[in-house]
Amino acid sequence: MPVRPFAMVHYHEIGLKGRNRSTFENRLVRNLATALSGTGAGDPRKLPGRVIVPFEPDADRALLRERLAAVFGVANVGLGVRGKLDLDSMCRVAWDTVRERDFTTFAVRARKAHSAFALSAREINEKVGAHLLERSGKRVNLSEPDLTCYIEIVGELVIVYAERFRGAGGLPVGSSGKVVSLVSSGIDSPVAAARMMRRGSRVVFVHFHSQPFTDGSSVRQASEIVELLTRYQYASTMYVVALAPSQQLVAATAPESLRTVLYRRMMIRIASNIAERESAGALVTGDSLGQVASQTLENLAVVEEAATIPVLRPLIGRDKEEIVSEAKAIGTFEVSSAPCQEACVLFEPKRPATKARIDQVRAAETSLETSALVAGAVEGSDVRTFRFP
């Protein structure tokens, strides 16, 4: 009968929590169970400082690695098998673990937690290392080994593995409340949303379009982006909101140079209304300081003044190269790079104001029935849901 393998999941930041640490651990366990559904993995189980997940011997390891690596809150994962709490078993399982692998140098790293086993971690390293040295004929290198054999002892449980990979880090999604993220079909806003997920927030998305004056490409791309991001939080809601009625009024009544700022303020008002409905605690945008005309300090301040809750800008100090790199890492760059017609290009001013003044903006809004526009936009929105896996 094949030996049943296990995934040993380690977390980092959760371990720094105090009395509410178990809340974060429980959320991580639930997220792991959701992420691994359909992969042949069993129920995740908490151990001191880590989570263990059994899986079937014939499970698709590549799929397991992909799913585990995308779970926020995970620092690293080892894929191995169970041994017994005696030295001979550890030596035998360690040799079985490394014997088919290609390496020239190796090291053994043992860790003990809440175990009464007589040998120390250092003694286990020495004795198992001597056994592997004799059986393999390879060299020991404790600083930069080609292969590392890990032995983890937690109470009576022993897991041995040589296959280890990094996780996504951060905090488990759902442990830091809920936010509403304005998401375009571009590169920046999906990265901002993913950063908030990595800090444990659950994200509700709002996408603005200008149909029928633009085509449906931005909605299609935004939907693809949210579908991709849902693999990090397992369930997503996106409000698809028509901005064209507000844009038409702004274009007809307001100074041309203020149009972009006024569009953005309307977006913030609508998103604030949705946040209230969703019991979300903040708005999230993909703003990066100075990147475009609406993202100067003055314009950011004027736009934020329209919000009823805090506005978070995870990318504010990032340059485009850094943002592109993150977009590639989370898998949204290719979709975001495709050409499409965004909402804010409708009636776009030739010379947008870069230092809008709040008194001028308020004066321009006196002819707009903002409350009615916001209510109409929210009530007429198309609410879409996404699930993963």
Protein backbone atom coordinates (compact mmCIF):
# COMPACT_ATOMS: atom_id res chain seq x y z
CA MET A 1 0.00 0.00 0.00
CA PRO A 2 1.50 3.39 -0.99
CA VAL A 3 2.63 5.65 1.84
CA ARG A 4 0.21 8.56 2.23
CA PRO A 5 2.02 11.88 1.72
CA PHE A 6 1.48 15.12 3.61
CA ALA A 7 1.89 18.84 3.02
CA MET A 8 3.45 20.67 5.97
CA VAL A 9 2.25 24.27 5.72
CA HIS A 10 4.17 26.93 7.62
CA TYR A 11 3.03 30.47 8.30
CA HIS A 12 5.11 33.43 9.38
CA GLU A 13 3.20 36.61 10.12
CA ILE A 14 0.35 34.78 11.83
CA GLY A 15 2.87 33.48 14.35
CA LEU A 16 3.48 37.05 15.54
CA LYS A 17 -0.14 37.49 16.60
CA GLY A 18 -1.11 37.47 20.26
CA ARG A 19 -4.30 36.27 21.87
CA ASN A 20 -6.26 36.37 18.60
CA ARG A 21 -3.75 34.14 16.79
CA SER A 22 -6.20 31.24 16.68
CA THR A 23 -8.64 33.40 14.68
CA PHE A 24 -6.02 33.82 11.94
CA GLU A 25 -5.06 30.14 12.10
CA ASN A 26 -8.68 29.02 11.76
CA ARG A 27 -9.18 31.30 8.78
CA LEU A 28 -6.03 29.90 7.15
CA VAL A 29 -7.29 26.32 7.68
CA ARG A 30 -10.64 27.17 6.07
CA ASN A 31 -8.94 28.88 3.13
CA LEU A 32 -6.63 25.91 2.60
CA ALA A 33 -9.61 23.54 2.58
CA THR A 34 -11.35 25.67 -0.05
CA ALA A 35 -8.25 26.14 -2.21
CA LEU A 36 -7.45 22.41 -2.21
CA SER A 37 -10.93 21.12 -2.97
CA GLY A 38 -10.89 18.67 -5.85
CA THR A 39 -7.14 18.05 -5.67
CA GLY A 40 -7.10 14.81 -3.68
CA ALA A 41 -6.14 16.60 -0.47
CA GLY A 42 -7.72 15.73 2.86
CA ASP A 43 -8.85 18.06 5.65
CA PRO A 44 -6.19 20.52 6.87
CA ARG A 45 -5.39 20.18 10.57
CA LYS A 46 -3.79 22.68 12.92
CA LEU A 47 -0.56 21.80 14.69
CA PRO A 48 1.53 24.10 16.90
CA GLY A 49 2.90 26.78 14.54
CA ARG A 50 1.89 25.00 11.33
CA VAL A 51 -0.91 23.24 9.44
CA ILE A 52 -0.70 19.69 8.06
CA VAL A 53 -2.64 18.49 5.03
CA PRO A 54 -2.78 14.83 3.96
CA PHE A 55 -3.24 14.05 0.29
CA GLU A 56 -3.59 10.97 -1.87
CA PRO A 57 -0.44 9.32 -3.30
CA ASP A 58 -1.76 9.72 -6.84
CA ALA A 59 -2.75 13.37 -6.40
CA ASP A 60 -1.50 15.86 -9.00
CA ARG A 61 1.47 17.42 -7.22
CA ALA A 62 1.80 20.24 -9.72
CA LEU A 63 -1.82 21.25 -9.04
CA LEU A 64 -1.28 20.96 -5.28
CA ARG A 65 1.78 23.19 -5.48
CA GLU A 66 -0.08 25.75 -7.59
CA ARG A 67 -3.04 25.90 -5.19
CA LEU A 68 -0.93 25.96 -2.01
CA ALA A 69 1.43 28.63 -3.37
CA ALA A 70 -1.51 31.00 -3.98
CA VAL A 71 -2.96 30.87 -0.46
CA PHE A 72 -2.27 34.13 1.35
CA GLY A 73 -0.93 33.54 4.85
CA VAL A 74 1.35 30.66 3.80
CA ALA A 75 5.09 31.23 4.20
CA ASN A 76 6.35 27.93 2.79
CA VAL A 77 5.22 24.36 2.21
CA GLY A 78 7.01 21.02 2.41
CA LEU A 79 5.66 17.93 0.62
CA GLY A 80 6.73 14.73 2.37
CA VAL A 81 5.75 11.53 4.14
CA ARG A 82 5.24 10.40 7.70
CA GLY A 83 7.85 8.62 9.76
CA LYS A 84 7.91 7.12 13.25
CA LEU A 85 9.23 8.67 16.42
CA ASP A 86 12.46 6.68 16.48
CA LEU A 87 15.85 7.28 14.92
CA ASP A 88 15.92 4.16 12.71
CA SER A 89 12.62 5.15 11.12
CA MET A 90 13.83 8.70 10.51
CA CYS A 91 17.00 7.42 8.83
CA ARG A 92 15.05 4.97 6.66
CA VAL A 93 12.40 7.49 5.60
CA ALA A 94 15.04 10.17 4.98
CA TRP A 95 16.94 7.84 2.65
CA ASP A 96 13.74 6.84 0.83
CA THR A 97 12.99 10.56 0.42
CA VAL A 98 16.32 11.54 -1.18
CA ARG A 99 17.57 8.36 -2.88
CA GLU A 100 15.95 9.08 -6.28
CA ARG A 101 16.93 12.74 -6.33
CA ASP A 102 19.85 14.23 -8.23
CA PHE A 103 22.26 15.99 -5.86
CA THR A 104 25.95 16.31 -5.08
CA THR A 105 25.80 17.93 -1.65
CA PHE A 106 23.17 17.76 1.08
CA ALA A 107 22.19 18.86 4.57
CA VAL A 108 19.69 17.63 7.15
CA ARG A 109 17.53 20.17 9.02
CA ALA A 110 15.50 18.83 11.94
CA ARG A 111 13.00 20.81 14.02
CA LYS A 112 11.26 19.77 17.24
CA ALA A 113 8.09 21.26 18.72
CA HIS A 114 6.21 20.06 21.81
CA SER A 115 7.99 16.68 21.64
CA ALA A 116 9.52 14.54 24.38
CA PHE A 117 11.77 12.71 21.90
CA ALA A 118 15.12 12.14 23.57
CA LEU A 119 17.43 13.45 20.85
CA SER A 120 17.89 17.16 20.16
CA ALA A 121 17.44 18.61 16.68
CA ARG A 122 21.20 18.88 16.35
CA GLU A 123 21.71 15.23 17.28
CA ILE A 124 19.07 14.18 14.74
CA ASN A 125 20.85 16.22 12.08
CA GLU A 126 24.15 14.51 12.85
CA LYS A 127 22.85 10.93 13.02
CA VAL A 128 20.51 11.09 10.03
CA GLY A 129 23.16 13.01 8.10
CA ALA A 130 25.73 10.29 8.83
CA HIS A 131 23.27 7.66 7.57
CA LEU A 132 22.64 9.56 4.33
CA LEU A 133 26.37 10.13 3.89
CA GLU A 134 27.04 6.40 4.18
CA ARG A 135 24.20 5.37 1.86
CA SER A 136 24.65 8.03 -0.81
CA GLY A 137 28.36 8.71 -0.85
CA LYS A 138 27.58 12.40 -1.38
CA ARG A 139 29.15 15.35 0.45
CA VAL A 140 27.68 17.33 3.34
CA ASN A 141 27.36 21.08 2.80
CA LEU A 142 25.59 22.95 5.58
CA SER A 143 25.76 26.41 3.99
CA GLU A 144 24.62 25.89 0.36
CA PRO A 145 23.51 22.29 -0.16
CA ASP A 146 22.05 21.05 -3.45
CA LEU A 147 19.41 19.21 -1.43
CA THR A 148 18.02 19.66 2.07
CA CYS A 149 16.24 16.87 3.92
CA TYR A 150 13.82 18.33 6.46
CA ILE A 151 12.61 16.39 9.48
CA GLU A 152 9.82 17.96 11.50
CA ILE A 153 8.78 16.49 14.84
CA VAL A 154 5.59 17.89 16.35
CA GLY A 155 4.54 15.96 19.43
CA GLU A 156 4.34 12.32 18.26
CA LEU A 157 4.17 13.27 14.56
CA VAL A 158 7.21 13.00 12.28
CA ILE A 159 7.18 14.35 8.70
CA VAL A 160 10.19 14.05 6.41
CA TYR A 161 10.50 15.96 3.13
CA ALA A 162 12.95 17.32 0.60
CA GLU A 163 10.47 19.13 -1.64
CA ARG A 164 9.85 22.65 -0.33
CA PHE A 165 8.54 25.84 -1.95
CA ARG A 166 7.55 29.36 -0.98
CA GLY A 167 4.01 30.47 -0.32
CA ALA A 168 2.31 33.79 -1.03
CA GLY A 169 2.95 35.22 2.47
CA GLY A 170 0.80 37.86 4.13
CA LEU A 171 -2.38 37.14 6.07
CA PRO A 172 -5.32 34.82 5.25
CA VAL A 173 -8.05 36.46 3.19
CA GLY A 174 -11.03 37.18 5.42
CA SER A 175 -8.99 38.00 8.51
CA SER A 176 -8.82 41.79 7.96
CA GLY A 177 -12.34 42.86 7.07
CA LYS A 178 -13.82 43.88 3.74
CA VAL A 179 -12.93 46.63 1.25
CA VAL A 180 -14.38 47.87 -2.05
CA SER A 181 -11.85 48.14 -4.85
CA LEU A 182 -12.32 50.22 -7.98
CA VAL A 183 -11.06 47.93 -10.74
CA SER A 184 -10.42 48.98 -14.31
CA SER A 185 -9.32 46.77 -17.18
CA GLY A 186 -5.79 48.15 -16.80
CA ILE A 187 -2.64 47.03 -15.01
CA ASP A 188 -2.64 48.97 -11.73
CA SER A 189 -5.96 48.43 -9.97
CA PRO A 190 -5.84 44.59 -10.02
CA VAL A 191 -2.44 44.75 -8.34
CA ALA A 192 -3.82 47.11 -5.68
CA ALA A 193 -6.71 44.71 -5.03
CA ALA A 194 -4.38 41.72 -4.75
CA ARG A 195 -2.21 43.61 -2.27
CA MET A 196 -5.24 44.15 -0.04
CA MET A 197 -6.10 40.45 -0.27
CA ARG A 198 -2.54 39.69 0.82
CA ARG A 199 -3.15 41.82 3.91
CA GLY A 200 -6.17 39.67 4.75
CA SER A 201 -8.97 41.82 3.31
CA ARG A 202 -11.87 40.41 1.33
CA VAL A 203 -12.36 42.55 -1.79
CA VAL A 204 -15.61 43.59 -3.48
CA PHE A 205 -14.98 44.99 -6.97
CA VAL A 206 -16.58 47.94 -8.75
CA HIS A 207 -16.01 48.46 -12.48
CA PHE A 208 -17.21 51.57 -14.35
CA HIS A 209 -18.00 51.59 -18.07
CA SER A 210 -19.28 54.19 -20.54
CA GLN A 211 -21.51 52.09 -22.76
CA PRO A 212 -23.15 52.75 -25.19
CA PHE A 213 -20.55 55.40 -26.06
CA THR A 214 -17.79 52.79 -25.68
CA ASP A 215 -17.81 49.11 -26.55
CA GLY A 216 -18.03 46.28 -24.02
CA SER A 217 -14.30 45.49 -24.01
CA SER A 218 -13.55 47.00 -20.58
CA VAL A 219 -16.32 44.99 -18.91
CA ARG A 220 -15.09 41.78 -20.54
CA GLN A 221 -11.52 42.42 -19.46
CA ALA A 222 -12.49 43.47 -15.94
CA SER A 223 -14.53 40.26 -15.61
CA GLU A 224 -11.53 38.20 -16.71
CA ILE A 225 -9.33 40.03 -14.22
CA VAL A 226 -11.74 39.47 -11.32
CA GLU A 227 -12.03 35.81 -12.29
CA LEU A 228 -8.23 35.53 -12.07
CA LEU A 229 -8.09 37.34 -8.73
CA THR A 230 -10.83 35.12 -7.30
CA ARG A 231 -8.34 32.27 -7.01
CA TYR A 232 -6.84 34.24 -4.10
CA GLN A 233 -10.11 34.82 -2.21
CA TYR A 234 -12.30 31.98 -3.60
CA ALA A 235 -15.49 34.05 -4.00
CA SER A 236 -15.87 37.54 -5.49
CA THR A 237 -18.61 40.06 -6.23
CA MET A 238 -18.24 42.72 -8.93
CA TYR A 239 -20.60 45.65 -9.47
CA VAL A 240 -20.60 46.73 -13.13
CA VAL A 241 -21.69 50.37 -13.10
CA ALA A 242 -22.67 52.68 -15.98
CA LEU A 243 -20.82 55.99 -15.64
CA ALA A 244 -22.01 57.50 -18.95
CA PRO A 245 -25.07 59.35 -17.54
CA SER A 246 -22.84 61.21 -15.06
CA GLN A 247 -20.21 61.88 -17.71
CA GLN A 248 -22.78 63.37 -20.08
CA LEU A 249 -23.94 65.85 -17.45
CA VAL A 250 -20.40 66.74 -16.44
CA ALA A 251 -19.41 67.31 -20.09
CA ALA A 252 -22.46 69.50 -20.67
CA THR A 253 -22.19 71.71 -17.57
CA ALA A 254 -18.65 71.70 -16.08
CA PRO A 255 -15.37 73.30 -17.23
CA GLU A 256 -13.57 70.94 -19.59
CA SER A 257 -10.34 70.89 -17.56
CA LEU A 258 -12.16 69.54 -14.49
CA ARG A 259 -13.93 66.66 -16.23
CA THR A 260 -11.53 63.90 -15.17
CA VAL A 261 -11.54 64.98 -11.53
CA LEU A 262 -15.34 65.20 -11.55
CA TYR A 263 -15.61 61.73 -13.11
CA ARG A 264 -13.34 60.37 -10.40
CA ARG A 265 -15.34 62.05 -7.63
CA MET A 266 -18.51 60.50 -8.99
CA MET A 267 -16.84 57.08 -9.03
CA ILE A 268 -15.79 57.56 -5.41
CA ARG A 269 -19.32 58.55 -4.39
CA ILE A 270 -20.83 55.52 -6.11
CA ALA A 271 -18.20 53.18 -4.65
CA SER A 272 -18.83 54.66 -1.17
CA ASN A 273 -22.52 53.89 -1.56
CA ILE A 274 -21.73 50.30 -2.57
CA ALA A 275 -19.32 49.99 0.35
CA GLU A 276 -22.12 50.95 2.73
CA ARG A 277 -24.34 48.27 1.22
CA GLU A 278 -21.54 45.70 1.51
CA SER A 279 -20.52 46.75 5.06
CA ALA A 280 -17.01 47.46 3.77
CA GLY A 281 -14.61 49.60 5.76
CA ALA A 282 -12.58 51.32 3.02
CA LEU A 283 -12.20 52.01 -0.69
CA VAL A 284 -9.14 50.86 -2.66
CA THR A 285 -7.73 52.46 -5.81
CA GLY A 286 -4.74 51.76 -8.03
CA ASP A 287 -3.40 55.32 -7.83
CA SER A 288 0.35 55.83 -8.13
CA LEU A 289 1.56 59.32 -7.29
CA GLY A 290 2.22 61.46 -10.37
CA GLN A 291 1.53 58.70 -12.89
CA VAL A 292 -1.29 60.58 -14.68
CA ALA A 293 -2.97 63.98 -14.34
CA SER A 294 -5.62 62.77 -11.88
CA GLN A 295 -2.93 61.39 -9.57
CA THR A 296 -1.18 64.58 -8.47
CA LEU A 297 -1.30 65.32 -4.74
CA GLU A 298 -3.79 68.13 -5.31
CA ASN A 299 -6.14 66.06 -7.46
CA LEU A 300 -5.96 63.03 -5.20
CA ALA A 301 -6.99 65.19 -2.27
CA VAL A 302 -9.91 66.70 -4.21
CA VAL A 303 -11.11 63.28 -5.36
CA GLU A 304 -10.84 61.73 -1.90
CA GLU A 305 -12.92 64.53 -0.42
CA ALA A 306 -15.97 62.95 -2.06
CA ALA A 307 -15.55 59.68 -0.14
CA THR A 308 -17.51 58.82 2.99
CA ILE A 309 -14.98 56.20 4.18
CA PRO A 310 -11.15 55.96 4.03
CA VAL A 311 -9.50 55.60 0.63
CA LEU A 312 -6.52 53.21 0.56
CA ARG A 313 -3.86 53.41 -2.17
CA PRO A 314 -1.53 50.40 -1.91
CA LEU A 315 0.50 51.47 -4.98
CA ILE A 316 0.94 55.15 -4.17
CA GLY A 317 4.75 54.96 -3.98
CA ARG A 318 5.28 52.32 -6.65
CA ASP A 319 6.63 53.03 -10.13
CA LYS A 320 5.25 51.42 -13.28
CA GLU A 321 8.01 48.83 -13.55
CA GLU A 322 7.31 47.56 -10.05
CA ILE A 323 3.57 47.43 -10.69
CA VAL A 324 4.04 45.54 -13.97
CA SER A 325 6.25 43.01 -12.19
CA GLU A 326 3.55 42.38 -9.58
CA ALA A 327 0.85 42.13 -12.26
CA LYS A 328 2.86 39.38 -13.95
CA ALA A 329 3.33 37.59 -10.62
CA ILE A 330 -0.41 37.51 -9.84
CA GLY A 331 -1.32 36.53 -13.40
CA THR A 332 -3.30 39.61 -14.53
CA PHE A 333 -0.74 41.36 -16.75
CA GLU A 334 -1.60 39.66 -20.03
CA VAL A 335 -5.32 40.42 -19.75
CA SER A 336 -4.67 43.97 -18.50
CA SER A 337 -2.35 44.68 -21.43
CA ALA A 338 -4.97 44.03 -24.11
CA PRO A 339 -6.40 47.19 -25.73
CA CYS A 340 -9.88 48.28 -24.67
CA GLN A 341 -12.05 51.38 -24.20
CA GLU A 342 -12.02 52.57 -20.59
CA ALA A 343 -14.73 54.73 -19.05
CA CYS A 344 -12.60 57.80 -18.36
CA VAL A 345 -11.67 58.28 -22.04
CA LEU A 346 -15.22 59.46 -22.80
CA PHE A 347 -15.27 63.26 -23.23
CA GLU A 348 -11.65 63.32 -22.01
CA PRO A 349 -10.30 66.89 -21.73
CA LYS A 350 -7.40 67.93 -23.92
CA ARG A 351 -5.74 69.73 -21.01
CA PRO A 352 -6.89 68.23 -17.71
CA ALA A 353 -6.34 70.21 -14.54
CA THR A 354 -3.40 68.90 -12.53
CA LYS A 355 -4.00 71.09 -9.45
CA ALA A 356 -7.75 71.26 -9.10
CA ARG A 357 -9.11 73.40 -6.25
CA ILE A 358 -11.91 72.10 -4.10
CA ASP A 359 -13.87 75.36 -4.31
CA GLN A 360 -13.81 75.25 -8.12
CA VAL A 361 -14.84 71.58 -8.13
CA ARG A 362 -17.72 72.15 -5.72
CA ALA A 363 -18.91 75.07 -7.81
CA ALA A 364 -18.85 72.88 -10.92
CA GLU A 365 -20.93 70.25 -9.13
CA THR A 366 -23.75 72.61 -8.15
CA SER A 367 -25.52 71.90 -11.44
CA LEU A 368 -25.22 68.12 -10.93
CA GLU A 369 -27.80 66.22 -8.95
CA THR A 370 -25.12 63.99 -7.46
CA SER A 371 -27.37 62.10 -5.03
CA ALA A 372 -29.78 61.11 -7.79
CA LEU A 373 -26.92 60.16 -10.12
CA VAL A 374 -25.31 57.98 -7.46
CA ALA A 375 -28.57 56.26 -6.55
CA GLY A 376 -29.40 55.60 -10.19
CA ALA A 377 -25.94 54.22 -10.93
CA VAL A 378 -26.01 51.83 -7.97
CA GLU A 379 -29.56 50.65 -8.53
CA GLY A 380 -28.86 50.05 -12.22
CA SER A 381 -25.60 48.20 -11.68
CA ASP A 382 -25.09 44.63 -12.87
CA VAL A 383 -23.89 42.50 -9.92
CA ARG A 384 -21.77 39.53 -10.94
CA THR A 385 -20.39 36.69 -8.80
CA PHE A 386 -17.30 34.54 -9.26
CA ARG A 387 -16.19 31.29 -7.59
CA PHE A 388 -12.93 29.36 -7.30
CA PRO A 389 -12.10 26.60 -7.72
